Amino acid sequence: MDAGLKEPGFGRGRAEENGSAFDRLKQNSLLHEALRQVHELTGLMTRLCLPKLPPSPTLCGAWPAAFCRQLALGSGACPSCLRLQAQLCRRLESKLKAHWGCCPAGIVRLAVPVIVAGQHVGTIVGGQVRLRSSDPAGFGHCCRQLGVNGDRRRLHAVRRAFFATRVLSRQELAAALRLLQTLAQLQALTFAQPAPSSPPVRDSARVSAAENFVRQHLTERMTTENVARAAGLTGAYFCRLFRRTTGTTLHNFVANLRVAGAKDLLARTLQPIGQIAFAAGFQSIPDFNRVFRHKTRMSPSQYRRKHYRA
């Protein structure tokens, strides 16, 4: 997802306005959690993209389906996926509503626009489930249409990935599409709400003091009472004030800082993961693994393999 892309056809003011709205959407943790739940329920892989879909089909899902990966071997992209992506682009430009389609193998792609005050500010894209069950004869037919060929081992891998792909009925797909449309509409309603008034300067200063205290004692065991005391407030009032001022809970704020520190150490050192967990401020390795996976969608060792720079 490249937030720096500009949508062609907009003037400078309108592009900046849409870019700002897209950034707010991208930072909405509730939206991303809802999309994750859609994946858990339906198998649909979804993510948020800029209003104008990119030419590459790889952005239609955070993780390419096993069947799509097999088809893309050696070419980088499946031609059928590229054509389907282009069709979705044209349909969105023609009419701003939810669109979907599927390739000859029945692999679904969909696009749901997020419209705020009449402006197209983002698109929920996804798919990578199979629309219908296919028997062995159907698999052979789709292979011929997609031009799949190769040795027996390659065909066996393609076949295994094909039948391992999650299958949805048309009714299930329609229900999932309605759910994504509802999410897009709820986002538009959220944007329409008036912005909360700024907290008094004194309260802001106390929250800043609490944030500084957290950063200075990040590697220590921390309680809400300790942080509230550093801000000169009682625990219950401090929790409400912190969430109202920062938009997140103290627990989530601390977890984000600790995970950020762990990610930095994983990416630039070869320290043992247990040592990194305690250096980042976590009190136990299981707690570190659970929080890290929740925040990054991967284990610490997976993150190191992907991001380590010698």
Protein backbone atom coordinates (compact mmCIF):
# COMPACT_ATOMS: atom_id res chain seq x y z
CA MET A 1 0.00 0.00 0.00
CA ASP A 2 1.63 3.21 -1.10
CA ALA A 3 0.03 6.22 0.53
CA GLY A 4 2.21 8.50 -1.61
CA LEU A 5 0.41 7.65 -4.84
CA LYS A 6 -1.79 10.38 -6.32
CA GLU A 7 -4.98 9.59 -8.15
CA PRO A 8 -4.93 11.04 -11.68
CA GLY A 9 -7.66 13.42 -12.65
CA PHE A 10 -7.80 15.33 -9.35
CA GLY A 11 -6.65 18.86 -8.80
CA ARG A 12 -4.11 19.57 -6.11
CA GLY A 13 -6.66 20.50 -3.44
CA ARG A 14 -8.92 17.53 -4.09
CA ALA A 15 -6.00 15.09 -4.23
CA GLU A 16 -4.65 16.35 -0.90
CA GLU A 17 -8.12 16.11 0.64
CA ASN A 18 -8.56 12.52 -0.54
CA GLY A 19 -5.02 11.66 0.52
CA SER A 20 -5.72 12.94 4.03
CA ALA A 21 -8.97 10.95 4.23
CA PHE A 22 -7.18 7.81 3.02
CA ASP A 23 -4.48 8.27 5.67
CA ARG A 24 -7.19 8.47 8.34
CA LEU A 25 -8.78 5.30 6.98
CA LYS A 26 -5.43 3.51 6.91
CA GLN A 27 -4.78 4.40 10.56
CA ASN A 28 -8.20 3.16 11.71
CA SER A 29 -7.41 0.07 13.78
CA LEU A 30 -11.11 -0.84 14.06
CA LEU A 31 -11.42 -1.10 10.27
CA HIS A 32 -8.37 -3.37 10.02
CA GLU A 33 -9.67 -5.54 12.86
CA ALA A 34 -13.06 -5.81 11.11
CA LEU A 35 -11.35 -6.85 7.86
CA ARG A 36 -9.36 -9.46 9.78
CA GLN A 37 -12.62 -10.84 11.21
CA VAL A 38 -14.11 -11.00 7.69
CA HIS A 39 -11.12 -13.14 6.71
CA GLU A 40 -11.61 -15.40 9.73
CA LEU A 41 -15.30 -15.88 8.90
CA THR A 42 -15.20 -16.24 5.12
CA GLY A 43 -11.60 -16.89 4.04
CA LEU A 44 -11.66 -13.67 1.98
CA MET A 45 -8.31 -11.90 2.06
CA THR A 46 -8.95 -8.16 2.17
CA ARG A 47 -7.05 -4.93 2.56
CA LEU A 48 -7.45 -1.19 2.07
CA CYS A 49 -6.07 0.41 -1.11
CA LEU A 50 -6.03 3.88 -2.61
CA PRO A 51 -9.16 4.86 -4.58
CA LYS A 52 -7.63 3.96 -7.95
CA LEU A 53 -6.58 0.33 -7.94
CA PRO A 54 -2.94 -0.39 -8.84
CA PRO A 55 -2.17 -2.36 -12.00
CA SER A 56 -0.63 -5.22 -10.01
CA PRO A 57 -3.06 -7.85 -8.73
CA THR A 58 -0.83 -8.62 -5.77
CA LEU A 59 -2.37 -5.74 -3.80
CA CYS A 60 -5.81 -7.35 -3.88
CA GLY A 61 -4.90 -9.37 -0.83
CA ALA A 62 -2.33 -9.15 1.91
CA TRP A 63 -1.25 -12.73 1.19
CA PRO A 64 -1.47 -14.38 -2.26
CA ALA A 65 -3.49 -17.59 -2.34
CA ALA A 66 -1.47 -20.78 -2.81
CA PHE A 67 -3.15 -21.47 -6.16
CA CYS A 68 -2.35 -17.94 -7.42
CA ARG A 69 1.29 -18.32 -6.31
CA GLN A 70 1.60 -21.53 -8.32
CA LEU A 71 0.22 -19.86 -11.45
CA ALA A 72 2.57 -16.89 -11.05
CA LEU A 73 5.74 -19.01 -10.88
CA GLY A 74 8.25 -17.80 -13.42
CA SER A 75 6.10 -14.90 -14.68
CA GLY A 76 5.55 -12.80 -11.55
CA ALA A 77 1.81 -12.43 -12.19
CA CYS A 78 -1.03 -14.48 -13.60
CA PRO A 79 -2.34 -12.91 -16.87
CA SER A 80 -5.88 -13.83 -15.87
CA CYS A 81 -5.48 -11.89 -12.61
CA LEU A 82 -4.15 -8.88 -14.51
CA ARG A 83 -7.16 -8.89 -16.85
CA LEU A 84 -9.60 -9.24 -13.96
CA GLN A 85 -7.88 -6.39 -12.09
CA ALA A 86 -8.20 -4.17 -15.16
CA GLN A 87 -11.90 -5.03 -15.43
CA LEU A 88 -12.49 -4.06 -11.79
CA CYS A 89 -10.68 -0.74 -12.40
CA ARG A 90 -12.92 0.05 -15.38
CA ARG A 91 -16.07 -0.89 -13.47
CA LEU A 92 -15.16 1.31 -10.52
CA GLU A 93 -14.44 4.25 -12.82
CA SER A 94 -17.78 3.67 -14.53
CA LYS A 95 -19.89 3.26 -11.37
CA LEU A 96 -18.88 3.68 -7.73
CA LYS A 97 -20.37 0.57 -6.18
CA ALA A 98 -19.17 -2.86 -5.09
CA HIS A 99 -17.90 -5.01 -7.98
CA TRP A 100 -16.59 -8.55 -8.18
CA GLY A 101 -15.47 -11.08 -10.76
CA CYS A 102 -13.63 -14.36 -11.00
CA CYS A 103 -10.99 -15.92 -13.23
CA PRO A 104 -11.49 -19.16 -15.24
CA ALA A 105 -10.45 -21.11 -12.13
CA GLY A 106 -13.25 -19.47 -10.11
CA ILE A 107 -10.86 -17.43 -7.93
CA VAL A 108 -12.76 -14.32 -6.79
CA ARG A 109 -11.61 -10.70 -6.85
CA LEU A 110 -13.74 -7.88 -5.42
CA ALA A 111 -13.56 -4.13 -4.87
CA VAL A 112 -15.74 -2.07 -2.51
CA PRO A 113 -15.37 1.75 -2.64
CA VAL A 114 -15.37 3.82 0.56
CA ILE A 115 -17.22 7.05 -0.20
CA VAL A 116 -17.13 10.01 2.21
CA ALA A 117 -19.18 13.14 1.45
CA GLY A 118 -19.50 12.08 -2.18
CA GLN A 119 -15.75 11.54 -2.61
CA HIS A 120 -14.10 8.18 -3.32
CA VAL A 121 -11.39 8.11 -0.62
CA GLY A 122 -10.38 4.44 -0.55
CA THR A 123 -11.18 0.95 -1.83
CA ILE A 124 -11.48 -2.29 0.10
CA VAL A 125 -10.11 -5.00 -2.19
CA GLY A 126 -9.88 -8.72 -1.71
CA GLY A 127 -10.83 -12.18 -2.80
CA GLN A 128 -8.64 -15.26 -3.29
CA VAL A 129 -11.43 -17.69 -2.46
CA ARG A 130 -13.01 -20.04 -4.99
CA LEU A 131 -16.61 -19.34 -5.99
CA ARG A 132 -17.69 -22.89 -6.65
CA SER A 133 -16.56 -26.46 -6.10
CA SER A 134 -14.92 -28.09 -9.10
CA ASP A 135 -14.56 -31.78 -9.89
CA PRO A 136 -11.36 -33.21 -11.46
CA ALA A 137 -12.76 -32.63 -14.97
CA GLY A 138 -13.44 -29.00 -14.07
CA PHE A 139 -9.89 -28.62 -12.81
CA GLY A 140 -8.51 -29.90 -16.11
CA HIS A 141 -10.72 -27.47 -18.03
CA CYS A 142 -9.57 -24.45 -16.00
CA CYS A 143 -5.91 -25.53 -16.44
CA ARG A 144 -6.36 -25.50 -20.21
CA GLN A 145 -8.02 -22.08 -20.09
CA LEU A 146 -5.23 -20.67 -17.91
CA GLY A 147 -2.51 -22.28 -20.02
CA VAL A 148 -1.11 -24.26 -17.09
CA ASN A 149 1.51 -26.75 -18.24
CA GLY A 150 4.70 -28.24 -16.97
CA ASP A 151 5.99 -31.45 -15.50
CA ARG A 152 3.93 -33.79 -13.37
CA ARG A 153 5.29 -32.36 -10.13
CA ARG A 154 4.23 -28.82 -11.08
CA LEU A 155 0.73 -29.97 -12.09
CA HIS A 156 0.42 -31.92 -8.85
CA ALA A 157 1.30 -28.79 -6.84
CA VAL A 158 -1.20 -26.69 -8.81
CA ARG A 159 -3.93 -29.30 -8.35
CA ARG A 160 -3.28 -29.57 -4.61
CA ALA A 161 -3.39 -25.76 -4.21
CA PHE A 162 -6.58 -25.56 -6.30
CA PHE A 163 -8.53 -28.00 -4.14
CA ALA A 164 -7.11 -26.49 -0.92
CA THR A 165 -8.55 -23.05 -1.75
CA ARG A 166 -11.51 -21.99 0.41
CA VAL A 167 -14.81 -22.40 -1.48
CA LEU A 168 -17.79 -20.04 -1.06
CA SER A 169 -21.26 -20.42 -2.51
CA ARG A 170 -22.78 -17.50 -4.38
CA GLN A 171 -25.01 -16.81 -1.36
CA GLU A 172 -22.02 -16.76 0.99
CA LEU A 173 -20.08 -14.48 -1.35
CA ALA A 174 -23.07 -12.11 -1.63
CA ALA A 175 -23.37 -12.01 2.18
CA ALA A 176 -19.64 -11.26 2.54
CA LEU A 177 -19.91 -8.50 -0.06
CA ARG A 178 -22.83 -6.93 1.83
CA LEU A 179 -20.78 -7.07 5.03
CA LEU A 180 -17.89 -5.24 3.37
CA GLN A 181 -20.29 -2.63 1.98
CA THR A 182 -21.67 -2.10 5.50
CA LEU A 183 -18.12 -1.62 6.82
CA ALA A 184 -17.46 0.98 4.10
CA GLN A 185 -20.70 2.82 4.99
CA LEU A 186 -19.85 2.78 8.70
CA GLN A 187 -16.49 4.35 7.91
CA ALA A 188 -18.26 7.12 6.01
CA LEU A 189 -20.55 7.74 9.01
CA THR A 190 -17.54 7.86 11.33
CA PHE A 191 -15.92 10.52 9.14
CA ALA A 192 -19.15 12.52 9.20
CA GLN A 193 -19.09 12.79 13.01
CA PRO A 194 -17.84 16.14 14.33
CA ALA A 195 -14.25 16.08 15.51
CA PRO A 196 -13.91 15.91 19.30
CA SER A 197 -13.04 19.15 20.99
CA SER A 198 -9.45 19.61 22.04
CA PRO A 199 -8.76 18.76 25.68
CA PRO A 200 -7.71 21.58 28.01
CA VAL A 201 -4.03 22.46 27.89
CA ARG A 202 -3.54 21.25 31.47
CA ASP A 203 -4.94 17.81 30.66
CA SER A 204 -2.79 17.57 27.53
CA ALA A 205 0.30 18.38 29.58
CA ARG A 206 -0.57 15.62 32.05
CA VAL A 207 -1.02 13.09 29.25
CA SER A 208 2.32 14.17 27.77
CA ALA A 209 3.92 13.67 31.18
CA ALA A 210 2.44 10.17 31.33
CA GLU A 211 3.76 9.35 27.84
CA ASN A 212 7.24 10.55 28.81
CA PHE A 213 7.10 8.45 31.98
CA VAL A 214 6.17 5.37 29.93
CA ARG A 215 9.04 5.89 27.50
CA GLN A 216 11.55 6.36 30.32
CA HIS A 217 10.39 3.22 32.19
CA LEU A 218 9.46 1.06 29.21
CA THR A 219 11.68 -1.86 30.23
CA GLU A 220 10.22 -1.99 33.76
CA ARG A 221 7.04 -3.58 35.08
CA MET A 222 4.38 -0.91 34.73
CA THR A 223 0.91 -0.44 36.22
CA THR A 224 -1.85 2.04 35.45
CA GLU A 225 -1.56 3.42 38.99
CA ASN A 226 2.15 4.16 38.57
CA VAL A 227 1.62 6.02 35.30
CA ALA A 228 -1.42 7.89 36.65
CA ARG A 229 0.59 8.94 39.72
CA ALA A 230 3.33 10.30 37.44
CA ALA A 231 0.65 12.42 35.74
CA GLY A 232 -0.77 13.58 39.09
CA LEU A 233 -4.15 11.90 38.54
CA THR A 234 -6.23 9.06 39.93
CA GLY A 235 -6.26 5.80 37.97
CA ALA A 236 -9.89 5.82 36.74
CA TYR A 237 -9.88 9.45 35.58
CA PHE A 238 -6.44 9.06 34.02
CA CYS A 239 -7.60 6.08 31.88
CA ARG A 240 -10.55 8.07 30.51
CA LEU A 241 -8.42 11.15 29.89
CA PHE A 242 -5.63 9.20 28.19
CA ARG A 243 -8.04 7.47 25.80
CA ARG A 244 -9.93 10.68 25.03
CA THR A 245 -6.68 12.56 24.32
CA THR A 246 -4.69 9.94 22.42
CA GLY A 247 -7.44 7.80 20.87
CA THR A 248 -6.02 4.61 22.38
CA THR A 249 -5.70 2.90 25.74
CA LEU A 250 -2.62 3.06 27.93
CA HIS A 251 -2.21 -0.72 27.57
CA ASN A 252 -2.19 -0.46 23.77
CA PHE A 253 0.16 2.54 23.84
CA VAL A 254 2.69 0.63 25.95
CA ALA A 255 2.36 -2.49 23.79
CA ASN A 256 2.94 -0.49 20.58
CA LEU A 257 6.11 1.10 21.99
CA ARG A 258 7.48 -2.25 23.18
CA VAL A 259 6.72 -4.00 19.89
CA ALA A 260 8.37 -1.13 17.98
CA GLY A 261 11.51 -1.56 20.08
CA ALA A 262 11.49 -5.32 19.54
CA LYS A 263 11.06 -4.90 15.77
CA ASP A 264 14.07 -2.60 15.66
CA LEU A 265 16.24 -5.12 17.54
CA LEU A 266 15.03 -8.03 15.42
CA ALA A 267 15.80 -6.14 12.21
CA ARG A 268 19.32 -5.01 13.09
CA THR A 269 20.73 -7.52 15.62
CA LEU A 270 21.06 -11.26 16.04
CA GLN A 271 20.30 -11.22 19.77
CA PRO A 272 18.27 -14.23 20.97
CA ILE A 273 14.54 -13.61 20.78
CA GLY A 274 14.12 -14.18 24.51
CA GLN A 275 16.73 -11.53 25.25
CA ILE A 276 15.00 -9.10 22.89
CA ALA A 277 11.65 -9.73 24.61
CA PHE A 278 13.01 -8.61 27.99
CA ALA A 279 15.03 -5.76 26.49
CA ALA A 280 11.82 -4.40 24.92
CA GLY A 281 10.05 -4.45 28.28
CA PHE A 282 7.98 -7.64 28.14
CA GLN A 283 7.82 -9.61 31.38
CA SER A 284 7.63 -13.06 29.78
CA ILE A 285 8.42 -14.67 26.44
CA PRO A 286 4.89 -16.10 25.91
CA ASP A 287 3.44 -12.63 26.51
CA PHE A 288 5.93 -11.16 24.02
CA ASN A 289 5.10 -13.76 21.36
CA ARG A 290 1.35 -13.23 21.80
CA VAL A 291 1.46 -9.42 21.64
CA PHE A 292 4.02 -9.35 18.81
CA ARG A 293 1.96 -11.71 16.65
CA HIS A 294 -1.21 -9.71 17.37
CA LYS A 295 0.44 -6.46 16.32
CA THR A 296 2.41 -7.67 13.28
CA ARG A 297 0.52 -10.77 12.12
CA MET A 298 3.76 -12.76 12.24
CA SER A 299 6.02 -14.36 14.85
CA PRO A 300 9.26 -12.64 15.96
CA SER A 301 11.35 -15.19 14.06
CA GLN A 302 9.27 -14.68 10.90
CA TYR A 303 9.70 -10.90 11.25
CA ARG A 304 13.47 -11.30 11.58
CA ARG A 305 13.68 -13.52 8.49
CA LYS A 306 11.77 -10.93 6.48
CA HIS A 307 13.34 -7.71 7.76
CA TYR A 308 16.81 -8.49 9.07
CA ARG A 309 19.47 -6.30 7.49
CA ALA A 310 23.06 -7.31 8.14
